[in-house]
Amino acid sequence: METTLINQDWYLITKDVLTVLFTLTGLIIAGLGLATWKKQIKGSKEFEAAHNLHFAMLKLREAIKHVRNPAIWPSESQRAVKFIKEKNPEKSDEELKKNEHAYVYEMRWQKITDAYTEAESYLLEAEALWGHEIMDLTKPLNKKVRELNINLNQNFAPEMRTKDLMAIHDVIYDKSSETEQDAFSAEVSKYIDAIADYLRKKIK
């Protein structure tokens, strides 16, 4: 009778121990699974953020190329006049015709504005994920865009010029060949490549 009671006690103790062990094992497995899931989610977010920002930077590069294209077709001039007329209906036809060349660049610049707007939202997400370093990497590119804008303004407003016209044209007109970029394009590409390299390292 006493032996039976001892066996029952051991059975109950063993059962409780096993129950605790199984519970702990389940919690550990669940915890590891949650950690893996969180890591996967973070990795997915980082990949998406890097992809979106890189794509936005490439859009900005193409927008800069578009603005610097030295060729202006009559159809583009007509679209530019219409673009400005819709924004400023008070402008006379004579004034529109007189400044249509400048209006082409104003219309083209809208692509840079759109690309910047898109990039800024992705930059904020990247900063939240990886810190302020990504913002520092974009500063040289921002400087090139400002340089392009200033030189465009000086090209169409002689009273604002701080350098000779040929130097201005080196900035506002893309003189790249099929095999070699001009100095301005090469710098833009270099800064975008630096951003792309940074992003690739973040998602390895």
N, C-alpha and C. Protein backbone atom coordinates (compact mmCIF):
# COMPACT_ATOMS: atom_id res chain seq x y z
N MET A 1 0.85 -1.22 0.00
CA MET A 1 0.00 0.00 0.00
C MET A 1 0.87 1.25 0.00
N GLU A 2 1.93 1.27 0.82
CA GLU A 2 2.82 2.41 0.90
C GLU A 2 3.58 2.60 -0.40
N THR A 3 3.98 1.48 -1.01
CA THR A 3 4.70 1.53 -2.29
C THR A 3 3.82 2.13 -3.36
N THR A 4 2.55 1.79 -3.34
CA THR A 4 1.60 2.29 -4.32
C THR A 4 1.45 3.80 -4.21
N LEU A 5 1.41 4.29 -2.97
CA LEU A 5 1.28 5.73 -2.76
C LEU A 5 2.51 6.47 -3.25
N ILE A 6 3.70 5.89 -2.99
CA ILE A 6 4.94 6.51 -3.44
C ILE A 6 4.98 6.58 -4.96
N ASN A 7 4.55 5.47 -5.58
CA ASN A 7 4.53 5.44 -7.05
C ASN A 7 3.58 6.48 -7.61
N GLN A 8 2.44 6.64 -6.94
CA GLN A 8 1.47 7.65 -7.38
C GLN A 8 2.05 9.05 -7.24
N ASP A 9 2.77 9.28 -6.12
CA ASP A 9 3.38 10.60 -5.91
C ASP A 9 4.41 10.90 -7.00
N TRP A 10 5.26 9.89 -7.30
CA TRP A 10 6.27 10.10 -8.35
C TRP A 10 5.61 10.35 -9.70
N TYR A 11 4.51 9.64 -9.92
CA TYR A 11 3.79 9.83 -11.19
C TYR A 11 3.27 11.26 -11.31
N LEU A 12 2.71 11.76 -10.20
CA LEU A 12 2.16 13.11 -10.21
C LEU A 12 3.27 14.15 -10.39
N ILE A 13 4.40 13.94 -9.67
CA ILE A 13 5.54 14.87 -9.78
C ILE A 13 6.10 14.87 -11.19
N THR A 14 6.27 13.66 -11.72
CA THR A 14 6.82 13.54 -13.09
C THR A 14 5.88 14.18 -14.09
N LYS A 15 4.61 13.98 -13.90
CA LYS A 15 3.61 14.58 -14.81
C LYS A 15 3.69 16.10 -14.78
N ASP A 16 3.82 16.68 -13.56
CA ASP A 16 3.90 18.14 -13.43
C ASP A 16 5.18 18.68 -14.06
N VAL A 17 6.29 17.94 -13.84
CA VAL A 17 7.57 18.37 -14.42
C VAL A 17 7.50 18.35 -15.93
N LEU A 18 6.96 17.27 -16.46
CA LEU A 18 6.85 17.15 -17.92
C LEU A 18 5.95 18.24 -18.50
N THR A 19 4.88 18.53 -17.77
CA THR A 19 3.96 19.59 -18.23
C THR A 19 4.67 20.93 -18.30
N VAL A 20 5.47 21.24 -17.25
CA VAL A 20 6.24 22.49 -17.22
C VAL A 20 7.26 22.51 -18.36
N LEU A 21 7.96 21.36 -18.55
CA LEU A 21 8.97 21.29 -19.61
C LEU A 21 8.34 21.48 -20.99
N PHE A 22 7.22 20.83 -21.22
CA PHE A 22 6.54 20.99 -22.50
C PHE A 22 6.09 22.43 -22.72
N THR A 23 5.59 23.06 -21.63
CA THR A 23 5.14 24.46 -21.72
C THR A 23 6.32 25.37 -22.04
N LEU A 24 7.45 25.16 -21.32
CA LEU A 24 8.65 25.97 -21.57
C LEU A 24 9.17 25.78 -22.99
N THR A 25 9.16 24.51 -23.43
CA THR A 25 9.63 24.23 -24.79
C THR A 25 8.75 24.93 -25.82
N GLY A 26 7.44 24.89 -25.57
CA GLY A 26 6.50 25.57 -26.47
C GLY A 26 6.73 27.07 -26.51
N LEU A 27 6.99 27.65 -25.32
CA LEU A 27 7.24 29.09 -25.24
C LEU A 27 8.54 29.47 -25.96
N ILE A 28 9.57 28.62 -25.79
CA ILE A 28 10.86 28.88 -26.45
C ILE A 28 10.70 28.82 -27.96
N ILE A 29 10.02 27.78 -28.43
CA ILE A 29 9.80 27.63 -29.88
C ILE A 29 8.99 28.80 -30.42
N ALA A 30 7.94 29.19 -29.67
CA ALA A 30 7.12 30.33 -30.08
C ALA A 30 7.94 31.61 -30.11
N GLY A 31 8.81 31.77 -29.09
CA GLY A 31 9.66 32.96 -29.04
C GLY A 31 10.63 33.03 -30.20
N LEU A 32 11.24 31.87 -30.51
CA LEU A 32 12.16 31.82 -31.65
C LEU A 32 11.43 32.10 -32.96
N GLY A 33 10.22 31.55 -33.05
CA GLY A 33 9.42 31.79 -34.25
C GLY A 33 9.06 33.25 -34.40
N LEU A 34 8.71 33.90 -33.29
CA LEU A 34 8.36 35.32 -33.32
C LEU A 34 9.58 36.16 -33.68
N ALA A 35 10.74 35.80 -33.14
CA ALA A 35 11.97 36.54 -33.46
C ALA A 35 12.30 36.41 -34.94
N THR A 36 12.14 35.18 -35.46
CA THR A 36 12.40 34.96 -36.90
C THR A 36 11.43 35.76 -37.74
N TRP A 37 10.16 35.76 -37.33
CA TRP A 37 9.12 36.50 -38.07
C TRP A 37 9.42 37.99 -38.06
N LYS A 38 9.82 38.50 -36.88
CA LYS A 38 10.16 39.93 -36.79
C LYS A 38 11.35 40.28 -37.67
N LYS A 39 12.35 39.36 -37.69
CA LYS A 39 13.53 39.58 -38.53
C LYS A 39 13.15 39.58 -40.01
N GLN A 40 12.25 38.66 -40.38
CA GLN A 40 11.80 38.60 -41.78
C GLN A 40 11.03 39.86 -42.16
N ILE A 41 10.18 40.32 -41.24
CA ILE A 41 9.40 41.54 -41.50
C ILE A 41 10.33 42.74 -41.66
N LYS A 42 11.32 42.83 -40.77
CA LYS A 42 12.28 43.94 -40.85
C LYS A 42 13.06 43.87 -42.15
N GLY A 43 13.50 42.65 -42.51
CA GLY A 43 14.23 42.48 -43.76
C GLY A 43 13.41 42.86 -44.97
N SER A 44 12.13 42.50 -44.93
CA SER A 44 11.22 42.85 -46.03
C SER A 44 11.04 44.36 -46.12
N LYS A 45 10.89 45.01 -44.96
CA LYS A 45 10.73 46.47 -44.93
C LYS A 45 11.98 47.17 -45.46
N GLU A 46 13.14 46.67 -45.05
CA GLU A 46 14.39 47.28 -45.48
C GLU A 46 14.60 47.11 -46.98
N PHE A 47 14.27 45.93 -47.48
CA PHE A 47 14.41 45.69 -48.92
C PHE A 47 13.48 46.62 -49.71
N GLU A 48 12.24 46.72 -49.24
CA GLU A 48 11.27 47.58 -49.94
C GLU A 48 11.69 49.05 -49.89
N ALA A 49 12.17 49.48 -48.72
CA ALA A 49 12.61 50.88 -48.57
C ALA A 49 13.80 51.16 -49.48
N ALA A 50 14.75 50.23 -49.52
CA ALA A 50 15.94 50.41 -50.35
C ALA A 50 15.57 50.44 -51.83
N HIS A 51 14.70 49.52 -52.23
CA HIS A 51 14.28 49.46 -53.63
C HIS A 51 13.55 50.73 -54.04
N ASN A 52 12.62 51.17 -53.21
CA ASN A 52 11.83 52.37 -53.54
C ASN A 52 12.71 53.61 -53.63
N LEU A 53 13.65 53.75 -52.69
CA LEU A 53 14.51 54.93 -52.70
C LEU A 53 15.46 54.91 -53.90
N HIS A 54 16.01 53.75 -54.19
CA HIS A 54 16.92 53.64 -55.35
C HIS A 54 16.18 53.97 -56.64
N PHE A 55 14.98 53.45 -56.77
CA PHE A 55 14.18 53.71 -57.97
C PHE A 55 13.85 55.20 -58.09
N ALA A 56 13.54 55.82 -56.95
CA ALA A 56 13.24 57.27 -56.96
C ALA A 56 14.47 58.08 -57.36
N MET A 57 15.66 57.64 -56.91
CA MET A 57 16.90 58.33 -57.30
C MET A 57 17.15 58.21 -58.80
N LEU A 58 16.84 57.04 -59.35
CA LEU A 58 17.00 56.84 -60.80
C LEU A 58 16.01 57.72 -61.58
N LYS A 59 14.82 57.86 -61.04
CA LYS A 59 13.84 58.77 -61.67
C LYS A 59 14.36 60.20 -61.66
N LEU A 60 14.98 60.59 -60.55
CA LEU A 60 15.54 61.94 -60.45
C LEU A 60 16.66 62.12 -61.47
N ARG A 61 17.49 61.11 -61.62
CA ARG A 61 18.57 61.18 -62.62
C ARG A 61 18.01 61.38 -64.02
N GLU A 62 16.96 60.63 -64.34
CA GLU A 62 16.36 60.75 -65.67
C GLU A 62 15.67 62.11 -65.84
N ALA A 63 15.10 62.63 -64.77
CA ALA A 63 14.47 63.95 -64.83
C ALA A 63 15.52 65.03 -65.10
N ILE A 64 16.69 64.89 -64.48
CA ILE A 64 17.78 65.84 -64.72
C ILE A 64 18.23 65.77 -66.18
N LYS A 65 18.34 64.55 -66.70
CA LYS A 65 18.70 64.39 -68.11
C LYS A 65 17.67 65.05 -69.01
N HIS A 66 16.41 64.88 -68.66
CA HIS A 66 15.32 65.46 -69.45
C HIS A 66 15.42 66.98 -69.48
N VAL A 67 15.68 67.58 -68.33
CA VAL A 67 15.80 69.04 -68.26
C VAL A 67 16.99 69.53 -69.09
N ARG A 68 18.08 68.79 -69.06
CA ARG A 68 19.32 69.23 -69.72
C ARG A 68 19.37 68.89 -71.22
N ASN A 69 18.36 68.23 -71.72
CA ASN A 69 18.34 67.90 -73.15
C ASN A 69 18.38 69.19 -73.98
N PRO A 70 19.41 69.37 -74.81
CA PRO A 70 19.53 70.64 -75.55
C PRO A 70 18.53 70.78 -76.70
N ALA A 71 17.91 69.68 -77.08
CA ALA A 71 16.97 69.74 -78.21
C ALA A 71 15.58 70.13 -77.74
N ILE A 72 14.98 71.09 -78.42
CA ILE A 72 13.60 71.51 -78.14
C ILE A 72 12.83 71.45 -79.45
N TRP A 73 11.83 70.59 -79.50
CA TRP A 73 11.01 70.45 -80.71
C TRP A 73 9.83 71.42 -80.65
N PRO A 74 9.32 71.83 -81.79
CA PRO A 74 8.17 72.74 -81.82
C PRO A 74 6.98 72.23 -81.00
N SER A 75 6.77 70.93 -81.06
CA SER A 75 5.64 70.35 -80.32
C SER A 75 5.82 70.54 -78.81
N GLU A 76 7.07 70.46 -78.35
CA GLU A 76 7.33 70.67 -76.93
C GLU A 76 7.12 72.13 -76.56
N SER A 77 7.51 73.04 -77.43
CA SER A 77 7.27 74.47 -77.18
C SER A 77 5.78 74.75 -77.07
N GLN A 78 5.00 74.14 -77.92
CA GLN A 78 3.55 74.33 -77.88
C GLN A 78 2.96 73.80 -76.58
N ARG A 79 3.44 72.64 -76.14
CA ARG A 79 2.96 72.09 -74.87
C ARG A 79 3.35 72.99 -73.70
N ALA A 80 4.55 73.57 -73.79
CA ALA A 80 5.02 74.45 -72.71
C ALA A 80 4.17 75.70 -72.62
N VAL A 81 3.83 76.29 -73.76
CA VAL A 81 2.98 77.48 -73.78
C VAL A 81 1.62 77.16 -73.17
N LYS A 82 1.09 75.99 -73.53
CA LYS A 82 -0.21 75.57 -72.98
C LYS A 82 -0.10 75.34 -71.47
N PHE A 83 1.01 74.75 -71.05
CA PHE A 83 1.27 74.48 -69.63
C PHE A 83 1.27 75.77 -68.82
N ILE A 84 1.98 76.79 -69.34
CA ILE A 84 2.07 78.07 -68.64
C ILE A 84 0.74 78.82 -68.69
N LYS A 85 0.07 78.73 -69.82
CA LYS A 85 -1.23 79.41 -69.98
C LYS A 85 -2.25 78.90 -68.96
N GLU A 86 -2.21 77.60 -68.69
CA GLU A 86 -3.13 77.01 -67.71
C GLU A 86 -2.78 77.48 -66.29
N LYS A 87 -1.49 77.68 -66.04
CA LYS A 87 -1.07 78.15 -64.71
C LYS A 87 -1.26 79.65 -64.56
N ASN A 88 -1.08 80.38 -65.66
CA ASN A 88 -1.16 81.85 -65.63
C ASN A 88 -2.03 82.35 -66.78
N PRO A 89 -3.34 82.20 -66.66
CA PRO A 89 -4.23 82.58 -67.76
C PRO A 89 -4.20 84.08 -68.10
N GLU A 90 -3.66 84.88 -67.18
CA GLU A 90 -3.61 86.33 -67.43
C GLU A 90 -2.52 86.72 -68.41
N LYS A 91 -1.57 85.82 -68.68
CA LYS A 91 -0.47 86.14 -69.61
C LYS A 91 -0.99 86.27 -71.04
N SER A 92 -0.50 87.29 -71.74
CA SER A 92 -0.92 87.52 -73.12
C SER A 92 -0.21 86.54 -74.06
N ASP A 93 -0.79 86.34 -75.23
CA ASP A 93 -0.18 85.46 -76.23
C ASP A 93 1.19 85.97 -76.65
N GLU A 94 1.32 87.29 -76.71
CA GLU A 94 2.60 87.88 -77.10
C GLU A 94 3.69 87.55 -76.08
N GLU A 95 3.34 87.66 -74.80
CA GLU A 95 4.29 87.36 -73.74
C GLU A 95 4.65 85.88 -73.73
N LEU A 96 3.65 85.05 -73.96
CA LEU A 96 3.88 83.61 -73.99
C LEU A 96 4.82 83.23 -75.12
N LYS A 97 4.60 83.82 -76.28
CA LYS A 97 5.44 83.53 -77.44
C LYS A 97 6.87 84.00 -77.21
N LYS A 98 7.01 85.15 -76.59
CA LYS A 98 8.32 85.74 -76.36
C LYS A 98 9.17 84.88 -75.43
N ASN A 99 8.54 84.26 -74.45
CA ASN A 99 9.29 83.51 -73.44
C ASN A 99 9.10 81.99 -73.53
N GLU A 100 8.67 81.51 -74.69
CA GLU A 100 8.33 80.10 -74.78
C GLU A 100 9.54 79.19 -74.52
N HIS A 101 10.74 79.65 -74.86
CA HIS A 101 11.94 78.85 -74.62
C HIS A 101 12.13 78.61 -73.12
N ALA A 102 11.97 79.67 -72.35
CA ALA A 102 12.10 79.55 -70.90
C ALA A 102 10.99 78.68 -70.32
N TYR A 103 9.80 78.77 -70.91
CA TYR A 103 8.66 77.99 -70.42
C TYR A 103 8.86 76.49 -70.64
N VAL A 104 9.62 76.14 -71.69
CA VAL A 104 9.94 74.72 -71.92
C VAL A 104 10.68 74.17 -70.71
N TYR A 105 11.65 74.94 -70.20
CA TYR A 105 12.43 74.48 -69.06
C TYR A 105 11.62 74.49 -67.78
N GLU A 106 10.71 75.42 -67.68
CA GLU A 106 9.82 75.43 -66.51
C GLU A 106 8.93 74.19 -66.51
N MET A 107 8.45 73.82 -67.68
CA MET A 107 7.63 72.61 -67.78
C MET A 107 8.48 71.36 -67.51
N ARG A 108 9.67 71.33 -68.07
CA ARG A 108 10.56 70.19 -67.83
C ARG A 108 10.90 70.03 -66.35
N TRP A 109 11.08 71.16 -65.68
CA TRP A 109 11.47 71.12 -64.27
C TRP A 109 10.43 70.42 -63.41
N GLN A 110 9.21 70.36 -63.86
CA GLN A 110 8.16 69.70 -63.10
C GLN A 110 8.50 68.23 -62.86
N LYS A 111 9.23 67.61 -63.79
CA LYS A 111 9.64 66.21 -63.61
C LYS A 111 10.62 66.08 -62.44
N ILE A 112 11.51 67.06 -62.29
CA ILE A 112 12.43 67.04 -61.15
C ILE A 112 11.65 67.24 -59.86
N THR A 113 10.70 68.15 -59.87
CA THR A 113 9.87 68.39 -58.68
C THR A 113 9.14 67.12 -58.27
N ASP A 114 8.55 66.44 -59.24
CA ASP A 114 7.81 65.20 -58.96
C ASP A 114 8.74 64.12 -58.41
N ALA A 115 9.92 64.00 -59.02
CA ALA A 115 10.88 62.99 -58.56
C ALA A 115 11.35 63.29 -57.15
N TYR A 116 11.57 64.56 -56.85
CA TYR A 116 12.00 64.97 -55.51
C TYR A 116 10.93 64.65 -54.47
N THR A 117 9.69 64.96 -54.81
CA THR A 117 8.58 64.70 -53.88
C THR A 117 8.50 63.22 -53.53
N GLU A 118 8.64 62.38 -54.55
CA GLU A 118 8.60 60.93 -54.33
C GLU A 118 9.80 60.47 -53.50
N ALA A 119 10.97 60.99 -53.83
CA ALA A 119 12.19 60.57 -53.12
C ALA A 119 12.17 60.97 -51.66
N GLU A 120 11.62 62.14 -51.35
CA GLU A 120 11.62 62.64 -49.97
C GLU A 120 10.87 61.71 -49.02
N SER A 121 9.75 61.16 -49.47
CA SER A 121 8.99 60.26 -48.60
C SER A 121 9.79 58.99 -48.32
N TYR A 122 10.49 58.48 -49.31
CA TYR A 122 11.31 57.28 -49.12
C TYR A 122 12.56 57.58 -48.29
N LEU A 123 13.08 58.79 -48.42
CA LEU A 123 14.23 59.19 -47.61
C LEU A 123 13.89 59.21 -46.12
N LEU A 124 12.70 59.68 -45.79
CA LEU A 124 12.27 59.71 -44.39
C LEU A 124 12.18 58.29 -43.83
N GLU A 125 11.66 57.38 -44.64
CA GLU A 125 11.57 55.98 -44.21
C GLU A 125 12.96 55.39 -44.03
N ALA A 126 13.87 55.70 -44.96
CA ALA A 126 15.25 55.20 -44.86
C ALA A 126 15.95 55.76 -43.63
N GLU A 127 15.72 57.02 -43.33
CA GLU A 127 16.32 57.63 -42.14
C GLU A 127 15.80 56.96 -40.87
N ALA A 128 14.50 56.63 -40.86
CA ALA A 128 13.93 55.95 -39.70
C ALA A 128 14.54 54.56 -39.50
N LEU A 129 14.88 53.90 -40.59
CA LEU A 129 15.44 52.55 -40.52
C LEU A 129 16.93 52.55 -40.21
N TRP A 130 17.69 53.47 -40.82
CA TRP A 130 19.16 53.37 -40.78
C TRP A 130 19.87 54.59 -40.22
N GLY A 131 19.14 55.64 -39.89
CA GLY A 131 19.79 56.81 -39.33
C GLY A 131 20.04 57.91 -40.35
N HIS A 132 20.76 58.94 -39.91
CA HIS A 132 20.89 60.18 -40.69
C HIS A 132 21.92 60.08 -41.82
N GLU A 133 22.70 59.04 -41.85
CA GLU A 133 23.77 58.93 -42.85
C GLU A 133 23.23 59.03 -44.28
N ILE A 134 22.07 58.43 -44.52
CA ILE A 134 21.49 58.46 -45.87
C ILE A 134 21.17 59.89 -46.30
N MET A 135 20.78 60.73 -45.34
CA MET A 135 20.49 62.13 -45.66
C MET A 135 21.76 62.87 -46.07
N ASP A 136 22.86 62.54 -45.41
CA ASP A 136 24.14 63.16 -45.75
C ASP A 136 24.58 62.77 -47.16
N LEU A 137 24.28 61.53 -47.55
CA LEU A 137 24.66 61.06 -48.89
C LEU A 137 23.91 61.78 -50.00
N THR A 138 22.73 62.30 -49.68
CA THR A 138 21.95 62.99 -50.71
C THR A 138 22.33 64.46 -50.87
N LYS A 139 23.10 64.99 -49.93
CA LYS A 139 23.44 66.43 -49.99
C LYS A 139 24.19 66.83 -51.26
N PRO A 140 25.20 66.06 -51.71
CA PRO A 140 25.88 66.46 -52.95
C PRO A 140 24.95 66.45 -54.17
N LEU A 141 24.01 65.50 -54.19
CA LEU A 141 23.05 65.44 -55.29
C LEU A 141 22.12 66.65 -55.25
N ASN A 142 21.67 67.00 -54.05
CA ASN A 142 20.83 68.19 -53.90
C ASN A 142 21.56 69.44 -54.39
N LYS A 143 22.85 69.49 -54.10
CA LYS A 143 23.66 70.63 -54.52
C LYS A 143 23.72 70.74 -56.04
N LYS A 144 23.82 69.59 -56.73
CA LYS A 144 23.85 69.61 -58.20
C LYS A 144 22.52 70.08 -58.78
N VAL A 145 21.43 69.67 -58.15
CA VAL A 145 20.11 70.11 -58.63
C VAL A 145 19.95 71.61 -58.44
N ARG A 146 20.40 72.13 -57.29
CA ARG A 146 20.35 73.58 -57.06
C ARG A 146 21.22 74.32 -58.07
N GLU A 147 22.38 73.76 -58.37
CA GLU A 147 23.28 74.36 -59.35
C GLU A 147 22.60 74.45 -60.73
N LEU A 148 21.91 73.40 -61.10
CA LEU A 148 21.20 73.40 -62.38
C LEU A 148 20.10 74.46 -62.39
N ASN A 149 19.38 74.56 -61.30
CA ASN A 149 18.30 75.55 -61.21
C ASN A 149 18.83 76.98 -61.28
N ILE A 150 19.91 77.23 -60.56
CA ILE A 150 20.51 78.58 -60.56
C ILE A 150 20.99 78.96 -61.96
N ASN A 151 21.65 78.02 -62.64
CA ASN A 151 22.17 78.31 -63.97
C ASN A 151 21.07 78.48 -65.00
N LEU A 152 19.98 77.78 -64.84
CA LEU A 152 18.84 78.00 -65.73
C LEU A 152 18.28 79.41 -65.54
N ASN A 153 18.14 79.82 -64.30
CA ASN A 153 17.65 81.17 -64.02
C ASN A 153 18.59 82.23 -64.59
N GLN A 154 19.89 82.01 -64.44
CA GLN A 154 20.85 82.97 -64.97
C GLN A 154 20.88 82.99 -66.50
N ASN A 155 20.59 81.86 -67.09
CA ASN A 155 20.57 81.80 -68.56
C ASN A 155 19.47 82.69 -69.14
N PHE A 156 18.32 82.69 -68.47
CA PHE A 156 17.18 83.45 -68.98
C PHE A 156 17.04 84.84 -68.35
N ALA A 157 17.92 85.14 -67.39
CA ALA A 157 17.90 86.47 -66.77
C ALA A 157 19.33 86.99 -66.71
N PRO A 158 19.80 87.62 -67.79
CA PRO A 158 21.20 88.08 -67.88
C PRO A 158 21.64 88.95 -66.70
N GLU A 159 20.72 89.70 -66.14
CA GLU A 159 21.08 90.59 -65.02
C GLU A 159 21.48 89.81 -63.76
N MET A 160 21.14 88.51 -63.73
CA MET A 160 21.46 87.69 -62.56
C MET A 160 22.77 86.93 -62.72
N ARG A 161 23.40 87.01 -63.87
CA ARG A 161 24.57 86.16 -64.16
C ARG A 161 25.77 86.49 -63.28
N THR A 162 26.39 85.42 -62.82
CA THR A 162 27.62 85.54 -62.03
C THR A 162 28.80 84.90 -62.74
N LYS A 163 28.57 84.36 -63.94
CA LYS A 163 29.65 83.78 -64.74
C LYS A 163 29.28 83.90 -66.21
N ASP A 164 30.24 83.55 -67.07
CA ASP A 164 29.98 83.75 -68.50
C ASP A 164 29.01 82.71 -69.04
N LEU A 165 28.43 83.02 -70.20
CA LEU A 165 27.36 82.21 -70.77
C LEU A 165 27.82 80.80 -71.11
N MET A 166 29.04 80.63 -71.57
CA MET A 166 29.54 79.30 -71.92
C MET A 166 29.57 78.39 -70.70
N ALA A 167 29.97 78.94 -69.57
CA ALA A 167 30.01 78.15 -68.33
C ALA A 167 28.60 77.75 -67.90
N ILE A 168 27.65 78.66 -68.12
CA ILE A 168 26.24 78.35 -67.81
C ILE A 168 25.75 77.22 -68.71
N HIS A 169 26.08 77.30 -69.98
CA HIS A 169 25.65 76.27 -70.93
C HIS A 169 26.25 74.90 -70.61
N ASP A 170 27.44 74.88 -70.04
CA ASP A 170 28.05 73.61 -69.64
C ASP A 170 27.21 72.90 -68.58
N VAL A 171 26.47 73.68 -67.82
CA VAL A 171 25.62 73.11 -66.77
C VAL A 171 24.24 72.76 -67.30
N ILE A 172 23.62 73.64 -68.03
CA ILE A 172 22.21 73.44 -68.41
C ILE A 172 22.03 72.56 -69.63
N TYR A 173 23.07 72.37 -70.44
CA TYR A 173 22.96 71.54 -71.63
C TYR A 173 23.79 70.27 -71.48
N ASP A 174 23.16 69.16 -71.73
CA ASP A 174 23.85 67.87 -71.65
C ASP A 174 24.70 67.67 -72.91
N LYS A 175 26.01 67.62 -72.71
CA LYS A 175 26.93 67.47 -73.83
C LYS A 175 27.57 66.08 -73.86
N SER A 176 26.92 65.13 -73.22
CA SER A 176 27.43 63.76 -73.18
C SER A 176 27.37 63.14 -74.57
N SER A 177 28.31 62.23 -74.83
CA SER A 177 28.30 61.46 -76.07
C SER A 177 27.76 60.05 -75.76
N GLU A 178 27.71 59.20 -76.75
CA GLU A 178 27.23 57.84 -76.53
C GLU A 178 28.19 57.04 -75.66
N THR A 179 29.44 57.45 -75.63
CA THR A 179 30.44 56.69 -74.90
C THR A 179 30.95 57.38 -73.63
N GLU A 180 30.64 58.65 -73.48
CA GLU A 180 31.19 59.39 -72.34
C GLU A 180 30.23 60.46 -71.85
N GLN A 181 30.06 60.52 -70.53
CA GLN A 181 29.21 61.54 -69.92
C GLN A 181 29.96 62.86 -69.82
N ASP A 182 29.21 63.96 -69.88
CA ASP A 182 29.85 65.24 -69.62
C ASP A 182 30.07 65.38 -68.11
N ALA A 183 30.77 66.43 -67.70
CA ALA A 183 31.18 66.57 -66.29
C ALA A 183 29.99 66.60 -65.34
N PHE A 184 28.94 67.33 -65.70
CA PHE A 184 27.78 67.46 -64.81
C PHE A 184 27.08 66.10 -64.66
N SER A 185 26.84 65.42 -65.76
CA SER A 185 26.17 64.11 -65.71
C SER A 185 27.00 63.10 -64.93
N ALA A 186 28.32 63.14 -65.11
CA ALA A 186 29.20 62.20 -64.40
C ALA A 186 29.10 62.39 -62.89
N GLU A 187 29.03 63.64 -62.45
CA GLU A 187 28.91 63.91 -61.02
C GLU A 187 27.57 63.42 -60.47
N VAL A 188 26.51 63.68 -61.23
CA VAL A 188 25.18 63.21 -60.80
C VAL A 188 25.17 61.69 -60.66
N SER A 189 25.73 61.00 -61.66
CA SER A 189 25.79 59.54 -61.62
C SER A 189 26.62 59.04 -60.44
N LYS A 190 27.72 59.73 -60.16
CA LYS A 190 28.60 59.33 -59.05
C LYS A 190 27.86 59.41 -57.72
N TYR A 191 27.09 60.48 -57.53
CA TYR A 191 26.38 60.65 -56.26
C TYR A 191 25.23 59.65 -56.12
N ILE A 192 24.57 59.35 -57.21
CA ILE A 192 23.48 58.36 -57.17
C ILE A 192 24.06 56.97 -56.95
N ASP A 193 25.20 56.67 -57.56
CA ASP A 193 25.85 55.37 -57.34
C ASP A 193 26.27 55.20 -55.88
N ALA A 194 26.71 56.28 -55.25
CA ALA A 194 27.09 56.22 -53.83
C ALA A 194 25.88 55.88 -52.96
N ILE A 195 24.74 56.45 -53.29
CA ILE A 195 23.50 56.14 -52.57
C ILE A 195 23.11 54.69 -52.80
N ALA A 196 23.22 54.23 -54.04
CA ALA A 196 22.87 52.85 -54.39
C ALA A 196 23.77 51.85 -53.65
N ASP A 197 25.07 52.15 -53.58
CA ASP A 197 26.01 51.26 -52.86
C ASP A 197 25.66 51.18 -51.39
N TYR A 198 25.31 52.31 -50.80
CA TYR A 198 24.89 52.33 -49.39
C TYR A 198 23.66 51.45 -49.17
N LEU A 199 22.70 51.56 -50.06
CA LEU A 199 21.46 50.80 -49.92
C LEU A 199 21.70 49.30 -50.09
N ARG A 200 22.58 48.93 -51.02
CA ARG A 200 22.88 47.51 -51.24
C ARG A 200 23.48 46.88 -49.98
N LYS A 201 24.36 47.62 -49.30
CA LYS A 201 24.97 47.11 -48.09
C LYS A 201 23.94 46.90 -46.98
N LYS A 202 22.90 47.69 -46.98
CA LYS A 202 21.88 47.61 -45.93
C LYS A 202 20.97 46.40 -46.09
N ILE A 203 20.90 45.83 -47.29
CA ILE A 203 19.96 44.71 -47.49
C ILE A 203 20.69 43.39 -47.76
N LYS A 204 22.01 43.36 -47.55
CA LYS A 204 22.77 42.11 -47.71
C LYS A 204 22.45 41.16 -46.57
